[in-house]
Amino acid sequence: MSDLFNFSVVTPEQTYLDGEASMVVVPGIEGDIGFLANHANIITSLRPGTIVVTSDKDTNSFNVEKGFVKFSENKLLVVAEGIVSE
């Protein structure tokens, strides 16, 4: 069983980030949610906050506006209204 899963972070204008990760933490509407490979299927809303993406090579973090997240069939899709520049 692989410890990696596919993920995409998109806005209405562009695909911001796309690849494989070992863990992604998103700001869920009711609290932060950490996704690992083979997580249970879920669809939920996002609140504005920080997403942290961990892969075998490095860790990236960035801020998003509200949106939603879907995890299904070992794929994570994050749809945000926008990415907030720091």
N, C-alpha and C. Protein backbone atom coordinates (compact mmCIF):
# COMPACT_ATOMS: atom_id res chain seq x y z
N MET A 1 0.84 -1.17 0.00
CA MET A 1 0.00 0.00 0.00
C MET A 1 0.89 1.24 0.00
N SER A 2 0.67 2.13 -0.96
CA SER A 2 1.47 3.34 -1.09
C SER A 2 1.08 4.35 -0.03
N ASP A 3 2.06 5.14 0.41
CA ASP A 3 1.77 6.19 1.39
C ASP A 3 1.61 7.55 0.71
N LEU A 4 1.50 7.58 -0.62
CA LEU A 4 1.29 8.81 -1.37
C LEU A 4 -0.10 8.82 -2.00
N PHE A 5 -0.63 10.02 -2.22
CA PHE A 5 -1.90 10.17 -2.92
C PHE A 5 -1.81 11.41 -3.80
N ASN A 6 -2.68 11.48 -4.80
CA ASN A 6 -2.72 12.63 -5.72
C ASN A 6 -3.55 13.75 -5.10
N PHE A 7 -3.14 14.98 -5.39
CA PHE A 7 -3.90 16.12 -4.91
C PHE A 7 -3.84 17.25 -5.93
N SER A 8 -4.85 18.11 -5.91
CA SER A 8 -4.89 19.30 -6.75
C SER A 8 -5.49 20.44 -5.92
N VAL A 9 -4.90 21.62 -6.06
CA VAL A 9 -5.45 22.83 -5.46
C VAL A 9 -5.77 23.75 -6.62
N VAL A 10 -7.05 24.08 -6.78
CA VAL A 10 -7.48 24.89 -7.91
C VAL A 10 -8.29 26.09 -7.43
N THR A 11 -8.25 27.15 -8.25
CA THR A 11 -9.09 28.32 -8.08
C THR A 11 -9.89 28.47 -9.37
N PRO A 12 -10.83 29.38 -9.41
CA PRO A 12 -11.55 29.58 -10.68
C PRO A 12 -10.64 29.99 -11.84
N GLU A 13 -9.51 30.60 -11.52
CA GLU A 13 -8.61 31.09 -12.57
C GLU A 13 -7.55 30.09 -13.01
N GLN A 14 -7.12 29.19 -12.11
CA GLN A 14 -5.97 28.36 -12.45
C GLN A 14 -5.86 27.13 -11.55
N THR A 15 -5.02 26.19 -11.98
CA THR A 15 -4.59 25.12 -11.10
C THR A 15 -3.35 25.64 -10.39
N TYR A 16 -3.45 25.80 -9.08
CA TYR A 16 -2.37 26.39 -8.31
C TYR A 16 -1.26 25.38 -8.00
N LEU A 17 -1.65 24.17 -7.63
CA LEU A 17 -0.69 23.14 -7.25
C LEU A 17 -1.29 21.79 -7.58
N ASP A 18 -0.45 20.87 -8.07
CA ASP A 18 -0.91 19.56 -8.49
C ASP A 18 0.24 18.59 -8.31
N GLY A 19 0.00 17.44 -7.73
CA GLY A 19 1.08 16.47 -7.58
C GLY A 19 0.72 15.34 -6.65
N GLU A 20 1.75 14.79 -5.99
CA GLU A 20 1.57 13.72 -5.02
C GLU A 20 2.03 14.21 -3.66
N ALA A 21 1.37 13.74 -2.62
CA ALA A 21 1.72 14.15 -1.27
C ALA A 21 1.61 12.95 -0.33
N SER A 22 2.32 13.04 0.78
CA SER A 22 2.18 12.03 1.82
C SER A 22 1.20 12.50 2.88
N MET A 23 1.02 13.86 2.99
CA MET A 23 0.04 14.41 3.92
C MET A 23 -0.34 15.81 3.48
N VAL A 24 -1.62 16.13 3.60
CA VAL A 24 -2.12 17.48 3.34
C VAL A 24 -3.04 17.86 4.49
N VAL A 25 -2.80 19.04 5.07
CA VAL A 25 -3.65 19.55 6.14
C VAL A 25 -4.38 20.77 5.60
N VAL A 26 -5.71 20.77 5.72
CA VAL A 26 -6.54 21.86 5.21
C VAL A 26 -7.36 22.46 6.34
N PRO A 27 -7.73 23.74 6.21
CA PRO A 27 -8.56 24.39 7.23
C PRO A 27 -10.05 24.09 7.01
N GLY A 28 -10.52 23.00 7.55
CA GLY A 28 -11.93 22.64 7.41
C GLY A 28 -12.82 23.60 8.16
N ILE A 29 -14.07 23.64 7.81
CA ILE A 29 -15.02 24.56 8.41
C ILE A 29 -15.18 24.31 9.91
N GLU A 30 -15.01 23.07 10.35
CA GLU A 30 -15.14 22.74 11.77
C GLU A 30 -13.81 22.44 12.44
N GLY A 31 -12.71 22.73 11.76
CA GLY A 31 -11.37 22.49 12.31
C GLY A 31 -10.46 21.94 11.23
N ASP A 32 -9.16 21.92 11.51
CA ASP A 32 -8.20 21.42 10.54
C ASP A 32 -8.39 19.93 10.30
N ILE A 33 -8.17 19.52 9.04
CA ILE A 33 -8.31 18.12 8.65
C ILE A 33 -6.99 17.68 8.02
N GLY A 34 -6.42 16.60 8.51
CA GLY A 34 -5.20 16.03 7.95
C GLY A 34 -5.55 14.83 7.09
N PHE A 35 -5.09 14.86 5.84
CA PHE A 35 -5.34 13.76 4.91
C PHE A 35 -4.08 12.96 4.69
N LEU A 36 -4.19 11.66 4.83
CA LEU A 36 -3.14 10.70 4.49
C LEU A 36 -3.69 9.80 3.39
N ALA A 37 -2.83 9.01 2.79
CA ALA A 37 -3.28 8.07 1.77
C ALA A 37 -4.39 7.18 2.33
N ASN A 38 -5.36 6.87 1.48
CA ASN A 38 -6.48 6.00 1.81
C ASN A 38 -7.41 6.55 2.88
N HIS A 39 -7.47 7.87 2.99
CA HIS A 39 -8.41 8.52 3.91
C HIS A 39 -9.84 8.17 3.50
N ALA A 40 -10.75 8.21 4.43
CA ALA A 40 -12.16 7.97 4.12
C ALA A 40 -12.67 9.06 3.17
N ASN A 41 -13.60 8.70 2.31
CA ASN A 41 -14.19 9.68 1.39
C ASN A 41 -14.91 10.76 2.18
N ILE A 42 -14.73 12.03 1.73
CA ILE A 42 -15.34 13.15 2.43
C ILE A 42 -15.47 14.34 1.48
N ILE A 43 -16.52 15.11 1.68
CA ILE A 43 -16.68 16.41 1.03
C ILE A 43 -17.07 17.37 2.15
N THR A 44 -16.33 18.48 2.26
CA THR A 44 -16.64 19.46 3.30
C THR A 44 -16.20 20.85 2.86
N SER A 45 -16.63 21.84 3.58
CA SER A 45 -16.29 23.23 3.27
C SER A 45 -14.96 23.62 3.91
N LEU A 46 -14.31 24.60 3.30
CA LEU A 46 -13.08 25.17 3.84
C LEU A 46 -13.37 26.54 4.42
N ARG A 47 -12.65 26.89 5.44
CA ARG A 47 -12.65 28.26 5.94
C ARG A 47 -11.34 28.90 5.48
N PRO A 48 -11.24 30.22 5.48
CA PRO A 48 -9.95 30.84 5.14
C PRO A 48 -8.87 30.36 6.13
N GLY A 49 -7.70 30.03 5.59
CA GLY A 49 -6.63 29.54 6.45
C GLY A 49 -5.46 29.02 5.64
N THR A 50 -4.62 28.24 6.29
CA THR A 50 -3.38 27.74 5.70
C THR A 50 -3.50 26.27 5.34
N ILE A 51 -3.06 25.94 4.14
CA ILE A 51 -2.94 24.55 3.69
C ILE A 51 -1.46 24.18 3.76
N VAL A 52 -1.17 23.01 4.32
CA VAL A 52 0.21 22.50 4.41
C VAL A 52 0.28 21.20 3.63
N VAL A 53 1.17 21.16 2.63
CA VAL A 53 1.35 19.98 1.80
C VAL A 53 2.72 19.39 2.07
N THR A 54 2.77 18.13 2.48
CA THR A 54 4.03 17.44 2.76
C THR A 54 4.21 16.33 1.74
N SER A 55 5.37 16.34 1.09
CA SER A 55 5.71 15.27 0.15
C SER A 55 7.01 14.63 0.64
N ASP A 56 7.53 13.68 -0.14
CA ASP A 56 8.78 13.04 0.25
C ASP A 56 9.94 14.03 0.26
N LYS A 57 9.85 15.07 -0.55
CA LYS A 57 10.98 15.98 -0.73
C LYS A 57 10.91 17.23 0.12
N ASP A 58 9.71 17.81 0.32
CA ASP A 58 9.62 19.07 1.05
C ASP A 58 8.22 19.32 1.57
N THR A 59 8.06 20.47 2.23
CA THR A 59 6.77 20.90 2.75
C THR A 59 6.48 22.29 2.22
N ASN A 60 5.27 22.48 1.68
CA ASN A 60 4.83 23.78 1.19
C ASN A 60 3.61 24.20 2.00
N SER A 61 3.48 25.50 2.22
CA SER A 61 2.28 26.01 2.85
C SER A 61 1.86 27.30 2.17
N PHE A 62 0.56 27.55 2.13
CA PHE A 62 0.02 28.74 1.51
C PHE A 62 -1.37 28.97 2.07
N ASN A 63 -1.84 30.20 1.98
CA ASN A 63 -3.14 30.56 2.52
C ASN A 63 -4.20 30.57 1.42
N VAL A 64 -5.39 30.10 1.79
CA VAL A 64 -6.51 30.06 0.85
C VAL A 64 -7.69 30.81 1.43
N GLU A 65 -8.56 31.26 0.52
CA GLU A 65 -9.85 31.79 0.92
C GLU A 65 -10.80 30.62 1.08
N LYS A 66 -12.04 30.89 1.37
CA LYS A 66 -12.99 29.78 1.58
C LYS A 66 -13.18 28.97 0.30
N GLY A 67 -13.75 27.79 0.45
CA GLY A 67 -13.97 26.90 -0.67
C GLY A 67 -14.49 25.56 -0.18
N PHE A 68 -14.10 24.49 -0.87
CA PHE A 68 -14.47 23.16 -0.41
C PHE A 68 -13.37 22.17 -0.75
N VAL A 69 -13.44 21.01 -0.14
CA VAL A 69 -12.45 19.95 -0.33
C VAL A 69 -13.19 18.63 -0.52
N LYS A 70 -12.65 17.79 -1.42
CA LYS A 70 -13.22 16.47 -1.67
C LYS A 70 -12.09 15.46 -1.68
N PHE A 71 -12.24 14.39 -0.91
CA PHE A 71 -11.29 13.27 -0.96
C PHE A 71 -12.08 12.05 -1.37
N SER A 72 -11.66 11.44 -2.50
CA SER A 72 -12.36 10.27 -3.03
C SER A 72 -11.38 9.47 -3.88
N GLU A 73 -11.43 8.15 -3.75
CA GLU A 73 -10.60 7.25 -4.54
C GLU A 73 -9.12 7.63 -4.46
N ASN A 74 -8.67 7.98 -3.27
CA ASN A 74 -7.28 8.32 -2.98
C ASN A 74 -6.80 9.57 -3.74
N LYS A 75 -7.73 10.48 -4.01
CA LYS A 75 -7.41 11.76 -4.65
C LYS A 75 -8.04 12.89 -3.86
N LEU A 76 -7.27 13.94 -3.63
CA LEU A 76 -7.74 15.11 -2.89
C LEU A 76 -7.89 16.27 -3.86
N LEU A 77 -9.05 16.89 -3.85
CA LEU A 77 -9.31 18.07 -4.66
C LEU A 77 -9.67 19.21 -3.72
N VAL A 78 -8.92 20.29 -3.79
CA VAL A 78 -9.21 21.50 -3.02
C VAL A 78 -9.61 22.57 -4.01
N VAL A 79 -10.82 23.11 -3.85
CA VAL A 79 -11.31 24.19 -4.70
C VAL A 79 -11.47 25.41 -3.79
N ALA A 80 -10.64 26.44 -4.04
CA ALA A 80 -10.66 27.65 -3.22
C ALA A 80 -11.06 28.84 -4.05
N GLU A 81 -11.73 29.80 -3.44
CA GLU A 81 -12.09 31.01 -4.15
C GLU A 81 -10.86 31.78 -4.58
N GLY A 82 -9.78 31.65 -3.84
CA GLY A 82 -8.54 32.31 -4.20
C GLY A 82 -7.41 31.91 -3.28
N ILE A 83 -6.20 32.20 -3.72
CA ILE A 83 -4.99 31.98 -2.94
C ILE A 83 -4.57 33.35 -2.42
N VAL A 84 -4.29 33.47 -1.14
CA VAL A 84 -3.94 34.74 -0.54
C VAL A 84 -2.42 34.90 -0.57
N SER A 85 -1.96 35.97 -1.21
CA SER A 85 -0.52 36.24 -1.27
C SER A 85 -0.05 36.76 0.09
N GLU A 86 1.14 36.33 0.47
CA GLU A 86 1.70 36.79 1.74
C GLU A 86 2.58 37.99 1.54
